[in-house]
C-alpha atoms as a PDB file:
ATOM      1  CA  MET A   1     -11.720 -27.724 -26.782  1.00  0.00           C
ATOM      2  CA  ASN A   2     -11.247 -23.861 -27.978  1.00  0.00           C
ATOM      3  CA  ASP A   3      -8.002 -22.801 -26.150  1.00  0.00           C
ATOM      4  CA  THR A   4     -10.138 -19.044 -25.284  1.00  0.00           C
ATOM      5  CA  ILE A   5     -12.959 -21.473 -23.930  1.00  0.00           C
ATOM      6  CA  TYR A   6     -10.349 -23.479 -21.741  1.00  0.00           C
ATOM      7  CA  GLN A   7      -8.511 -20.732 -20.272  1.00  0.00           C
ATOM      8  CA  ALA A   8     -11.825 -19.597 -19.351  1.00  0.00           C
ATOM      9  CA  ALA A   9     -13.263 -22.346 -17.673  1.00  0.00           C
ATOM     10  CA  ALA A  10     -10.015 -22.551 -15.831  1.00  0.00           C
ATOM     11  CA  LEU A  11     -10.628 -18.799 -14.942  1.00  0.00           C
ATOM     12  CA  ILE A  12     -13.928 -18.816 -13.268  1.00  0.00           C
ATOM     13  CA  VAL A  13     -14.361 -20.879 -10.367  1.00  0.00           C
ATOM     14  CA  PRO A  14     -10.742 -20.005  -9.325  1.00  0.00           C
ATOM     15  CA  LEU A  15     -11.884 -16.262  -9.858  1.00  0.00           C
ATOM     16  CA  ILE A  16     -14.798 -16.517  -8.242  1.00  0.00           C
ATOM     17  CA  PHE A  17     -13.816 -17.882  -5.133  1.00  0.00           C
ATOM     18  CA  ALA A  18     -10.748 -16.096  -4.434  1.00  0.00           C
ATOM     19  CA  ILE A  19     -13.411 -13.134  -4.668  1.00  0.00           C
ATOM     20  CA  VAL A  20     -15.913 -14.582  -2.397  1.00  0.00           C
ATOM     21  CA  PHE A  21     -13.002 -15.746   0.092  1.00  0.00           C
ATOM     22  CA  HIS A  22     -11.797 -11.971   0.144  1.00  0.00           C
ATOM     23  CA  GLU A  23     -14.909 -10.762   1.088  1.00  0.00           C
ATOM     24  CA  VAL A  24     -15.925 -12.865   3.205  1.00  0.00           C
ATOM     25  CA  ALA A  25     -12.770 -12.505   5.238  1.00  0.00           C
ATOM     26  CA  HIS A  26     -13.921  -8.735   6.040  1.00  0.00           C
ATOM     27  CA  GLY A  27     -16.921 -10.106   7.620  1.00  0.00           C
ATOM     28  CA  TRP A  28     -15.242 -12.413   9.873  1.00  0.00           C
ATOM     29  CA  VAL A  29     -13.044 -10.542  11.021  1.00  0.00           C
ATOM     30  CA  ALA A  30     -15.274  -7.885  11.631  1.00  0.00           C
ATOM     31  CA  ARG A  31     -17.518 -10.153  13.717  1.00  0.00           C
ATOM     32  CA  ALA A  32     -14.498 -11.017  15.757  1.00  0.00           C
ATOM     33  CA  LEU A  33     -13.623  -7.484  16.487  1.00  0.00           C
ATOM     34  CA  GLY A  34     -17.071  -6.135  17.613  1.00  0.00           C
ATOM     35  CA  ASP A  35     -19.414  -6.065  14.662  1.00  0.00           C
ATOM     36  CA  PRO A  36     -21.908  -8.474  13.742  1.00  0.00           C
ATOM     37  CA  THR A  37     -23.433  -6.815  10.432  1.00  0.00           C
ATOM     38  CA  ALA A  38     -22.569  -9.328   7.715  1.00  0.00           C
ATOM     39  CA  SER A  39     -23.686 -12.355   9.955  1.00  0.00           C
ATOM     40  CA  GLN A  40     -26.904 -11.032  10.780  1.00  0.00           C
ATOM     41  CA  LEU A  41     -27.465 -10.167   7.217  1.00  0.00           C
ATOM     42  CA  ASN A  42     -25.888 -14.159   6.227  1.00  0.00           C
ATOM     43  CA  ARG A  43     -23.311 -12.307   4.539  1.00  0.00           C
ATOM     44  CA  LEU A  44     -20.322 -15.228   5.678  1.00  0.00           C
ATOM     45  CA  SER A  45     -21.567 -17.960   3.787  1.00  0.00           C
ATOM     46  CA  LEU A  46     -19.265 -19.154   1.613  1.00  0.00           C
ATOM     47  CA  ASN A  47     -22.541 -20.144  -0.776  1.00  0.00           C
ATOM     48  CA  PRO A  48     -21.074 -17.881  -3.902  1.00  0.00           C
ATOM     49  CA  LEU A  49     -24.421 -17.361  -5.045  1.00  0.00           C
ATOM     50  CA  ARG A  50     -24.638 -14.902  -2.200  1.00  0.00           C
ATOM     51  CA  HIS A  51     -21.836 -13.007  -2.874  1.00  0.00           C
ATOM     52  CA  VAL A  52     -21.438 -13.298  -6.687  1.00  0.00           C
ATOM     53  CA  ASP A  53     -22.275  -9.585  -8.550  1.00  0.00           C
ATOM     54  CA  PRO A  54     -22.885 -10.403 -12.669  1.00  0.00           C
ATOM     55  CA  VAL A  55     -21.138  -7.716 -13.889  1.00  0.00           C
ATOM     56  CA  GLY A  56     -17.805  -7.402 -10.941  1.00  0.00           C
ATOM     57  CA  THR A  57     -17.512 -11.264 -10.678  1.00  0.00           C
ATOM     58  CA  ILE A  58     -18.129 -12.076 -14.043  1.00  0.00           C
ATOM     59  CA  LEU A  59     -18.526 -10.298 -16.789  1.00  0.00           C
ATOM     60  CA  LEU A  60     -15.890  -7.458 -16.151  1.00  0.00           C
ATOM     61  CA  PRO A  61     -12.610  -9.901 -15.343  1.00  0.00           C
ATOM     62  CA  GLY A  62     -13.592 -11.949 -18.481  1.00  0.00           C
ATOM     63  CA  ALA A  63     -13.425  -8.912 -21.161  1.00  0.00           C
ATOM     64  CA  LEU A  64     -10.720  -7.658 -19.314  1.00  0.00           C
ATOM     65  CA  LYS A  65      -8.724 -10.690 -19.765  1.00  0.00           C
ATOM     66  CA  LEU A  66      -9.649 -11.230 -23.122  1.00  0.00           C
ATOM     67  CA  LEU A  67      -8.358  -7.668 -24.080  1.00  0.00           C
ATOM     68  CA  GLY A  68      -5.876  -8.369 -22.338  1.00  0.00           C
ATOM     69  CA  LEU A  69      -6.095  -5.269 -19.681  1.00  0.00           C
ATOM     70  CA  PRO A  70      -5.346  -6.021 -16.003  1.00  0.00           C
ATOM     71  CA  VAL A  71      -8.110  -7.983 -14.393  1.00  0.00           C
ATOM     72  CA  PHE A  72      -9.634  -7.009 -11.553  1.00  0.00           C
ATOM     73  CA  GLY A  73     -13.356  -7.568 -10.211  1.00  0.00           C
ATOM     74  CA  TRP A  74     -15.658  -7.512  -6.993  1.00  0.00           C
ATOM     75  CA  ALA A  75     -18.437  -9.554  -5.122  1.00  0.00           C
ATOM     76  CA  LYS A  76     -21.357  -7.616  -3.764  1.00  0.00           C
ATOM     77  CA  PRO A  77     -19.243  -6.083  -0.554  1.00  0.00           C
ATOM     78  CA  VAL A  78     -20.009  -7.383   2.819  1.00  0.00           C
ATOM     79  CA  PRO A  79     -21.556  -5.129   4.974  1.00  0.00           C
ATOM     80  CA  VAL A  80     -18.776  -3.720   8.026  1.00  0.00           C
ATOM     81  CA  ASP A  81     -20.175  -1.053  10.012  1.00  0.00           C
ATOM     82  CA  PHE A  82     -16.891   0.631  11.470  1.00  0.00           C
ATOM     83  CA  ARG A  83     -18.701   2.203  14.283  1.00  0.00           C
ATOM     84  CA  ARG A  84     -19.693  -0.825  16.228  1.00  0.00           C
ATOM     85  CA  LEU A  85     -15.878  -1.957  16.330  1.00  0.00           C
ATOM     86  CA  ASN A  86     -14.413  -2.787  19.229  1.00  0.00           C
ATOM     87  CA  ASN A  87     -11.791   0.277  18.155  1.00  0.00           C
ATOM     88  CA  PRO A  88     -12.767   1.895  14.606  1.00  0.00           C
ATOM     89  CA  ARG A  89      -9.459   3.100  13.604  1.00  0.00           C
ATOM     90  CA  ARG A  90      -7.555   0.261  14.832  1.00  0.00           C
ATOM     91  CA  ASP A  91     -10.220  -2.179  14.023  1.00  0.00           C
ATOM     92  CA  MET A  92     -10.794  -0.934  10.304  1.00  0.00           C
ATOM     93  CA  ILE A  93      -7.109  -1.392   9.144  1.00  0.00           C
ATOM     94  CA  LEU A  94      -7.388  -5.330  10.628  1.00  0.00           C
ATOM     95  CA  VAL A  95     -10.542  -5.800   8.688  1.00  0.00           C
ATOM     96  CA  ALA A  96      -9.476  -4.322   6.011  1.00  0.00           C
ATOM     97  CA  ALA A  97      -6.337  -6.391   5.319  1.00  0.00           C
ATOM     98  CA  ALA A  98      -8.462  -9.450   6.534  1.00  0.00           C
ATOM     99  CA  GLY A  99      -9.109  -9.420   2.370  1.00  0.00           C
ATOM    100  CA  PRO A 100      -5.533  -9.753   0.961  1.00  0.00           C
ATOM    101  CA  GLY A 101      -4.455 -11.976   3.463  1.00  0.00           C
ATOM    102  CA  MET A 102      -7.343 -14.645   3.129  1.00  0.00           C
ATOM    103  CA  ASN A 103      -5.889 -14.269  -0.930  1.00  0.00           C
ATOM    104  CA  LEU A 104      -2.453 -14.811   0.160  1.00  0.00           C
ATOM    105  CA  LEU A 105      -3.593 -17.527   2.456  1.00  0.00           C
ATOM    106  CA  MET A 106      -5.310 -19.175  -0.048  1.00  0.00           C
ATOM    107  CA  ALA A 107      -2.412 -18.737  -2.578  1.00  0.00           C
ATOM    108  CA  LEU A 108      -0.448 -20.859  -0.716  1.00  0.00           C
ATOM    109  CA  LEU A 109      -2.064 -23.307  -0.036  1.00  0.00           C
ATOM    110  CA  SER A 110      -2.701 -23.647  -4.175  1.00  0.00           C
ATOM    111  CA  SER A 111       1.030 -23.772  -4.249  1.00  0.00           C
ATOM    112  CA  VAL A 112       0.866 -26.935  -2.271  1.00  0.00           C
ATOM    113  CA  LEU A 113      -1.785 -28.478  -3.726  1.00  0.00           C
ATOM    114  CA  LEU A 114      -0.109 -27.795  -6.742  1.00  0.00           C
ATOM    115  CA  GLY A 115       3.107 -29.418  -5.897  1.00  0.00           C
ATOM    116  CA  LEU A 116       1.186 -32.421  -4.642  1.00  0.00           C
ATOM    117  CA  LEU A 117      -1.141 -33.150  -7.931  1.00  0.00           C
ATOM    118  CA  ALA A 118       2.487 -32.216  -9.747  1.00  0.00           C
ATOM    119  CA  LEU A 119       4.072 -34.684  -7.237  1.00  0.00           C
ATOM    120  CA  ALA A 120       1.318 -37.316  -8.315  1.00  0.00           C
ATOM    121  CA  VAL A 121       1.164 -36.778 -12.138  1.00  0.00           C
ATOM    122  CA  PRO A 122       4.459 -35.446 -13.426  1.00  0.00           C
ATOM    123  CA  ALA A 123       3.140 -34.642 -16.845  1.00  0.00           C
ATOM    124  CA  PRO A 124      -0.498 -34.825 -17.481  1.00  0.00           C
ATOM    125  CA  ALA A 125      -1.489 -34.584 -21.395  1.00  0.00           C
ATOM    126  CA  VAL A 126      -3.139 -31.562 -22.404  1.00  0.00           C
ATOM    127  CA  HIS A 127      -7.051 -30.932 -21.627  1.00  0.00           C
ATOM    128  CA  THR A 128      -7.485 -34.015 -19.197  1.00  0.00           C
ATOM    129  CA  VAL A 129      -8.624 -33.849 -15.821  1.00  0.00           C
ATOM    130  CA  PRO A 130      -5.332 -33.442 -14.051  1.00  0.00           C
ATOM    131  CA  HIS A 131      -4.046 -30.803 -16.317  1.00  0.00           C
ATOM    132  CA  PHE A 132      -7.165 -29.015 -16.110  1.00  0.00           C
ATOM    133  CA  VAL A 133      -6.793 -28.928 -12.240  1.00  0.00           C
ATOM    134  CA  GLY A 134      -2.844 -27.472 -12.465  1.00  0.00           C
ATOM    135  CA  LEU A 135      -4.108 -25.193 -14.554  1.00  0.00           C
ATOM    136  CA  SER A 136      -6.611 -24.029 -12.658  1.00  0.00           C
ATOM    137  CA  LEU A 137      -4.831 -24.304  -9.401  1.00  0.00           C
ATOM    138  CA  LEU A 138      -2.131 -22.257 -11.415  1.00  0.00           C
ATOM    139  CA  LEU A 139      -4.294 -19.519 -11.907  1.00  0.00           C
ATOM    140  CA  PHE A 140      -5.859 -19.914  -8.279  1.00  0.00           C
ATOM    141  CA  ILE A 141      -2.641 -19.044  -7.005  1.00  0.00           C
ATOM    142  CA  GLN A 142      -1.885 -16.050  -9.976  1.00  0.00           C
ATOM    143  CA  ILE A 143      -5.665 -14.568  -9.267  1.00  0.00           C
ATOM    144  CA  ASN A 144      -5.300 -14.419  -5.343  1.00  0.00           C
ATOM    145  CA  ILE A 145      -1.677 -12.587  -5.510  1.00  0.00           C
ATOM    146  CA  PHE A 146      -2.804 -10.408  -8.267  1.00  0.00           C
ATOM    147  CA  LEU A 147      -6.237  -9.133  -5.371  1.00  0.00           C
ATOM    148  CA  ALA A 148      -4.048  -9.258  -2.393  1.00  0.00           C
ATOM    149  CA  LEU A 149      -1.684  -6.741  -3.980  1.00  0.00           C
ATOM    150  CA  PHE A 150      -4.251  -4.869  -6.463  1.00  0.00           C
ATOM    151  CA  ASN A 151      -6.606  -4.690  -3.015  1.00  0.00           C
ATOM    152  CA  LEU A 152      -3.900  -2.827  -1.595  1.00  0.00           C
ATOM    153  CA  ILE A 153      -3.615  -0.087  -3.957  1.00  0.00           C
ATOM    154  CA  PRO A 154      -4.740   2.905  -1.447  1.00  0.00           C
ATOM    155  CA  ILE A 155      -7.299   4.361  -3.917  1.00  0.00           C
ATOM    156  CA  PRO A 156     -11.092   4.171  -2.565  1.00  0.00           C
ATOM    157  CA  PRO A 157     -12.253   2.302  -2.313  1.00  0.00           C
ATOM    158  CA  PHE A 158      -9.912  -0.641  -1.977  1.00  0.00           C
ATOM    159  CA  ASP A 159      -8.729  -2.257   1.146  1.00  0.00           C
ATOM    160  CA  GLY A 160      -5.414  -0.113   0.966  1.00  0.00           C
ATOM    161  CA  SER A 161      -7.533   3.015   1.101  1.00  0.00           C
ATOM    162  CA  HIS A 162      -9.222   1.541   4.838  1.00  0.00           C
ATOM    163  CA  ILE A 163      -6.142   1.027   5.947  1.00  0.00           C
ATOM    164  CA  MET A 164      -4.542   4.524   4.781  1.00  0.00           C
ATOM    165  CA  GLU A 165      -7.774   5.906   6.725  1.00  0.00           C
ATOM    166  CA  GLY A 166      -6.960   4.442   9.891  1.00  0.00           C
ATOM    167  CA  LEU A 167      -3.235   5.207   9.780  1.00  0.00           C
ATOM    168  CA  LEU A 168      -3.173   8.603   8.876  1.00  0.00           C
ATOM    169  CA  PRO A 169      -4.005  11.408  11.602  1.00  0.00           C
ATOM    170  CA  GLU A 170      -8.031  12.126  12.178  1.00  0.00           C
ATOM    171  CA  ARG A 171      -7.915  15.118   9.686  1.00  0.00           C
ATOM    172  CA  ALA A 172      -6.058  14.361   6.542  1.00  0.00           C
ATOM    173  CA  ALA A 173      -8.061  10.593   6.899  1.00  0.00           C
ATOM    174  CA  ALA A 174     -11.492  12.860   6.570  1.00  0.00           C
ATOM    175  CA  ALA A 175      -9.784  14.487   3.724  1.00  0.00           C
ATOM    176  CA  TYR A 176      -8.652  11.464   2.363  1.00  0.00           C
ATOM    177  CA  GLY A 177     -12.217   9.611   2.975  1.00  0.00           C
ATOM    178  CA  GLN A 178     -13.809  12.335   0.300  1.00  0.00           C
ATOM    179  CA  LEU A 179     -11.645  10.370  -2.362  1.00  0.00           C
ATOM    180  CA  ARG A 180     -14.306   8.127  -1.965  1.00  0.00           C
ATOM    181  CA  LYS A 181     -16.954   9.800  -3.495  1.00  0.00           C
ATOM    182  CA  VAL A 182     -14.719   9.900  -6.660  1.00  0.00           C
ATOM    183  CA  GLY A 183     -13.126   6.315  -6.270  1.00  0.00           C
ATOM    184  CA  PHE A 184     -14.658   3.958  -8.801  1.00  0.00           C
ATOM    185  CA  LEU A 185     -15.004   6.428 -11.763  1.00  0.00           C
ATOM    186  CA  LEU A 186     -10.689   7.262 -11.087  1.00  0.00           C
ATOM    187  CA  VAL A 187      -9.612   3.663 -10.487  1.00  0.00           C
ATOM    188  CA  ILE A 188     -11.564   3.154 -14.437  1.00  0.00           C
ATOM    189  CA  VAL A 189      -9.719   5.902 -15.358  1.00  0.00           C
ATOM    190  CA  LEU A 190      -6.517   4.692 -15.098  1.00  0.00           C
ATOM    191  CA  ILE A 191      -7.046   1.665 -15.000  1.00  0.00           C
ATOM    192  CA  VAL A 192      -9.007   1.155 -18.169  1.00  0.00           C
ATOM    193  CA  VAL A 193      -9.625   4.755 -19.762  1.00  0.00           C
ATOM    194  CA  LEU A 194      -5.776   5.863 -20.026  1.00  0.00           C
ATOM    195  CA  PRO A 195      -3.835   2.990 -20.725  1.00  0.00           C
ATOM    196  CA  GLN A 196      -6.142   2.547 -23.553  1.00  0.00           C
ATOM    197  CA  VAL A 197      -5.644   6.380 -25.044  1.00  0.00           C
ATOM    198  CA  ILE A 198      -1.566   7.047 -23.444  1.00  0.00           C
ATOM    199  CA  PRO A 199       0.434   4.175 -24.665  1.00  0.00           C
ATOM    200  CA  GLY A 200       2.317   3.120 -22.505  1.00  0.00           C
ATOM    201  CA  PHE A 201       0.275   4.101 -19.762  1.00  0.00           C
ATOM    202  CA  ASN A 202       0.310   0.634 -17.177  1.00  0.00           C
ATOM    203  CA  PRO A 203      -0.037   2.600 -13.501  1.00  0.00           C
ATOM    204  CA  VAL A 204      -0.493  -1.227 -12.254  1.00  0.00           C
ATOM    205  CA  GLY A 205       1.651  -3.384 -13.502  1.00  0.00           C
ATOM    206  CA  GLN A 206       4.255  -0.447 -13.280  1.00  0.00           C
ATOM    207  CA  LEU A 207       3.377  -0.390  -9.221  1.00  0.00           C
ATOM    208  CA  ILE A 208       2.607  -3.957  -8.685  1.00  0.00           C
ATOM    209  CA  GLY A 209       3.422  -5.823 -11.526  1.00  0.00           C
ATOM    210  CA  ALA A 210       6.961  -6.830 -10.041  1.00  0.00           C
ATOM    211  CA  PRO A 211       5.766  -7.297  -6.197  1.00  0.00           C
ATOM    212  CA  VAL A 212       2.860  -9.214  -8.146  1.00  0.00           C
ATOM    213  CA  ASN A 213       5.891 -11.627 -10.114  1.00  0.00           C
ATOM    214  CA  TRP A 214       7.765 -12.249  -7.208  1.00  0.00           C
ATOM    215  CA  LEU A 215       5.565 -13.543  -4.981  1.00  0.00           C
ATOM    216  CA  THR A 216       3.940 -15.858  -7.537  1.00  0.00           C
ATOM    217  CA  GLN A 217       7.151 -17.324  -8.329  1.00  0.00           C
ATOM    218  CA  ARG A 218       7.757 -17.968  -4.541  1.00  0.00           C
ATOM    219  CA  TYR A 219       4.868 -19.747  -4.053  1.00  0.00           C
ATOM    220  CA  LEU A 220       5.656 -21.509  -7.259  1.00  0.00           C
ATOM    221  CA  ASP A 221       9.196 -22.168  -5.515  1.00  0.00           C
ATOM    222  CA  ILE A 222       6.799 -24.108  -2.906  1.00  0.00           C
ATOM    223  CA  ALA A 223       5.030 -26.047  -5.304  1.00  0.00           C
ATOM    224  CA  GLY A 224       8.073 -27.399  -6.738  1.00  0.00           C
ATOM    225  CA  ALA A 225       9.880 -28.232  -3.659  1.00  0.00           C
ATOM    226  CA  ILE A 226       7.203 -30.104  -3.456  1.00  0.00           C
ATOM    227  CA  ALA A 227       7.045 -31.768  -6.473  1.00  0.00           C
ATOM    228  CA  GLY A 228      10.432 -32.596  -5.985  1.00  0.00           C
ATOM    229  CA  GLY A 229       9.784 -34.514  -3.359  1.00  0.00           C
END
């Protein structure tokens, strides 16, 4: 099997599940805190087809991966009406943090499964089922950690921006919220456009690269501890 196809096949399913669980976690926490909007619209299903955005979940991440750029994407956002939350300013922080929190939890689960797989099949041959599963679990760890930290960047529409709004005084939060009008364009310019025209310009790598690498190694240490018996 062509290595590019093999890598892509091992990447797609982990990426879809990481994004879908991230979005559904927002809806679960919102429902627990008083907003049943996502539940009423049947968006708390774990069926990926209800959440996958063909461009944001598949085409864009795949293209970025092939171009060697930071991989990011999105699912169809789970609707949350912050006005229906029990305590909107406090609860918007908890709802926003639920997505990254779910990603870190899934990375932990994947590290445990990777360790158990390595314990059962210490050195799987390349392109065998155990090797493919192991690669998928490794990518699942990396994707989840990256998505968690990437989404905590305080630029709209990322989760970090909702957390920032909840922490700022009301007047400052209202002014900060105006960035949502240009937030997505700002993200594309910072992450895709400028790195192509300015050599060495890599704001994502400079901001979260080291934390992602450090946290990934901690999760791999857990897998290694399990594999070592």
